[in-house]
């Protein structure tokens, strides 16, 4: 939430990878929204162009493609948090940065497998789609040199 520290942290860097998230998805945390706003503003000021943001799969846009639980049940419990995610996404998308927003399924502590599905409109029949943090990291690091998802919002799940 400290803009000056965020800006100072960007010195000498070419891009930012952010997995900034709240400690619990149940309560709103507007500090996270301010954090993304600070990151985007500092990146623009420092002319650091590449931004990759790890995001929640259950935002409203195209949520109906993900099955009944993510479309109808999850929003009942996480409505405020989802609104915060959508606000952060709008800040990123409306910037002039070279962004990729990686929408992840429920995160697990499993190992890296490299065997995950990716794409803007992939669907799942699982009750609750999942993916390991290690596989998310694997995918995100690839985005630093792969332009396939520039200005896109790929989903990531098993």
Protein backbone atom coordinates (compact mmCIF):
# COMPACT_ATOMS: atom_id res chain seq x y z
CA UNK A 1 0.00 0.00 0.00
CA UNK A 2 3.07 2.28 0.10
CA UNK A 3 3.41 3.75 -3.40
CA UNK A 4 6.97 5.04 -2.89
CA UNK A 5 8.22 1.61 -1.80
CA UNK A 6 6.49 -0.05 -4.74
CA UNK A 7 8.05 2.42 -7.17
CA UNK A 8 11.50 1.96 -5.60
CA UNK A 9 11.19 -1.82 -5.89
CA UNK A 10 10.73 -1.51 -9.68
CA UNK A 11 14.08 0.19 -10.26
CA UNK A 12 16.14 -1.82 -12.74
CA UNK A 13 13.43 -4.35 -13.55
CA UNK A 14 11.73 -5.19 -16.85
CA UNK A 15 8.48 -6.61 -15.54
CA UNK A 16 6.32 -7.55 -12.59
CA UNK A 17 4.76 -10.85 -11.61
CA UNK A 18 2.13 -10.43 -8.92
CA UNK A 19 0.22 -12.99 -6.93
CA UNK A 20 -1.01 -10.32 -4.54
CA UNK A 21 -3.99 -11.65 -2.66
CA UNK A 22 -5.91 -11.33 0.58
CA UNK A 23 -5.35 -13.64 3.53
CA UNK A 24 -8.93 -14.89 3.24
CA UNK A 25 -11.31 -14.83 0.27
CA UNK A 26 -14.33 -14.43 2.54
CA UNK A 27 -13.71 -10.80 3.56
CA UNK A 28 -13.08 -7.86 1.28
CA UNK A 29 -9.61 -6.34 1.52
CA UNK A 30 -9.44 -3.00 -0.27
CA UNK A 31 -5.70 -2.85 0.50
CA UNK A 32 -5.27 -5.36 -2.34
CA UNK A 33 -7.09 -3.05 -4.75
CA UNK A 34 -4.89 -0.15 -3.66
CA UNK A 35 -1.84 -2.40 -4.03
CA UNK A 36 -2.66 -3.20 -7.66
CA UNK A 37 -3.37 0.45 -8.37
CA UNK A 38 0.04 1.34 -6.87
CA UNK A 39 1.83 -1.37 -8.87
CA UNK A 40 0.23 -0.28 -12.17
CA UNK A 41 0.85 3.43 -11.50
CA UNK A 42 4.47 2.82 -10.49
CA UNK A 43 5.08 0.58 -13.51
CA UNK A 44 3.76 3.26 -15.85
CA UNK A 45 5.85 5.97 -14.20
CA UNK A 46 9.02 3.81 -14.25
CA UNK A 47 8.29 2.57 -17.79
CA UNK A 48 8.28 -1.07 -16.67
CA UNK A 49 5.90 -2.55 -19.21
CA UNK A 50 5.37 -6.31 -18.62
CA UNK A 51 2.78 -7.25 -15.98
CA UNK A 52 1.63 -10.78 -15.23
CA UNK A 53 -1.03 -11.11 -12.56
CA UNK A 54 -2.24 -14.32 -10.97
CA UNK A 55 -5.96 -14.02 -10.49
CA UNK A 56 -9.07 -15.86 -9.32
CA UNK A 57 -10.89 -18.13 -11.77
CA UNK A 58 -14.39 -17.27 -10.53
CA UNK A 59 -14.79 -13.67 -11.69
CA UNK A 60 -18.06 -12.91 -13.45
CA UNK A 61 -16.73 -12.74 -17.03
CA UNK A 62 -17.41 -16.13 -18.65
CA UNK A 63 -17.98 -17.76 -15.23
CA UNK A 64 -20.99 -19.61 -16.64
CA UNK A 65 -18.53 -21.73 -18.67
CA UNK A 66 -17.13 -23.21 -15.45
CA UNK A 67 -20.10 -25.15 -14.15
CA UNK A 68 -22.82 -24.71 -11.58
CA UNK A 69 -20.64 -24.47 -8.43
CA UNK A 70 -18.34 -21.71 -9.70
CA UNK A 71 -21.17 -19.94 -11.50
CA UNK A 72 -23.89 -20.03 -8.84
CA UNK A 73 -22.59 -21.19 -5.44
CA UNK A 74 -19.12 -19.64 -5.05
CA UNK A 75 -20.35 -16.07 -5.75
CA UNK A 76 -22.78 -16.33 -2.82
CA UNK A 77 -19.89 -16.77 -0.38
CA UNK A 78 -17.27 -14.66 -2.13
CA UNK A 79 -19.29 -11.83 -3.67
CA UNK A 80 -17.25 -8.99 -2.10
CA UNK A 81 -13.94 -10.63 -2.86
CA UNK A 82 -15.01 -11.27 -6.46
CA UNK A 83 -15.93 -7.59 -6.85
CA UNK A 84 -12.45 -6.64 -5.59
CA UNK A 85 -10.88 -9.03 -8.11
CA UNK A 86 -12.95 -7.48 -10.90
CA UNK A 87 -11.88 -3.98 -9.82
CA UNK A 88 -8.21 -5.01 -9.84
CA UNK A 89 -8.65 -6.57 -13.26
CA UNK A 90 -10.19 -3.37 -14.61
CA UNK A 91 -7.23 -1.34 -13.31
CA UNK A 92 -4.83 -3.65 -15.14
CA UNK A 93 -6.80 -3.94 -18.39
CA UNK A 94 -7.35 -0.20 -18.68
CA UNK A 95 -3.64 0.51 -18.26
CA UNK A 96 -1.18 0.79 -21.14
CA UNK A 97 0.91 -2.09 -19.76
CA UNK A 98 1.64 -5.33 -21.59
CA UNK A 99 -0.47 -7.52 -19.31
CA UNK A 100 -1.50 -11.13 -18.90
CA UNK A 101 -4.06 -12.06 -16.26
CA UNK A 102 -3.75 -15.72 -15.29
CA UNK A 103 -7.05 -17.00 -13.90
CA UNK A 104 -6.34 -19.99 -11.70
CA UNK A 105 -8.47 -22.75 -10.33
CA UNK A 106 -8.34 -23.52 -6.59
CA UNK A 107 -4.69 -23.65 -5.55
CA UNK A 108 -3.13 -26.73 -3.96
CA UNK A 109 0.32 -27.43 -2.58
CA UNK A 110 1.00 -30.22 -5.08
CA UNK A 111 4.19 -30.61 -7.12
CA UNK A 112 4.96 -29.17 -10.52
CA UNK A 113 3.67 -31.56 -13.18
CA UNK A 114 3.67 -29.43 -16.33
CA UNK A 115 0.45 -31.29 -17.21
CA UNK A 116 -2.23 -28.65 -16.89
CA UNK A 117 -4.79 -27.19 -19.23
CA UNK A 118 -4.58 -23.58 -20.33
CA UNK A 119 -6.70 -21.34 -22.51
CA UNK A 120 -9.14 -18.47 -22.48
CA UNK A 121 -12.28 -20.60 -22.56
CA UNK A 122 -11.31 -23.99 -21.15
CA UNK A 123 -14.07 -25.57 -19.09
CA UNK A 124 -14.21 -28.09 -16.29
CA UNK A 125 -16.70 -30.70 -15.15
CA UNK A 126 -14.96 -31.00 -11.78
CA UNK A 127 -16.93 -29.99 -8.70
CA UNK A 128 -14.11 -27.56 -7.89
CA UNK A 129 -11.29 -27.28 -10.46
CA UNK A 130 -7.80 -27.28 -8.95
CA UNK A 131 -4.16 -26.64 -9.83
CA UNK A 132 -0.96 -26.67 -7.84
CA UNK A 133 0.86 -23.46 -7.01
CA UNK A 134 3.95 -25.05 -8.56
CA UNK A 135 2.19 -25.54 -11.90
CA UNK A 136 0.86 -21.97 -11.76
CA UNK A 137 4.42 -20.72 -11.22
CA UNK A 138 5.60 -22.88 -14.12
CA UNK A 139 3.02 -21.33 -16.43
CA UNK A 140 3.62 -17.76 -15.26
CA UNK A 141 7.38 -17.95 -15.77
CA UNK A 142 6.77 -19.12 -19.35
CA UNK A 143 4.69 -15.99 -19.97
CA UNK A 144 7.78 -13.81 -19.60
CA UNK A 145 8.96 -14.95 -23.04
CA UNK A 146 5.76 -16.32 -24.62
CA UNK A 147 3.54 -13.69 -26.26
CA UNK A 148 0.59 -16.00 -26.91
CA UNK A 149 -1.38 -14.61 -23.96
CA UNK A 150 -0.38 -10.96 -24.18
CA UNK A 151 -3.47 -8.85 -23.42
CA UNK A 152 -5.40 -12.01 -22.60
CA UNK A 153 -6.86 -13.81 -19.59
CA UNK A 154 -5.99 -17.49 -19.81
CA UNK A 155 -7.49 -19.99 -17.40
CA UNK A 156 -5.33 -22.60 -15.76
CA UNK A 157 -6.54 -25.91 -14.29
CA UNK A 158 -6.12 -29.66 -14.42
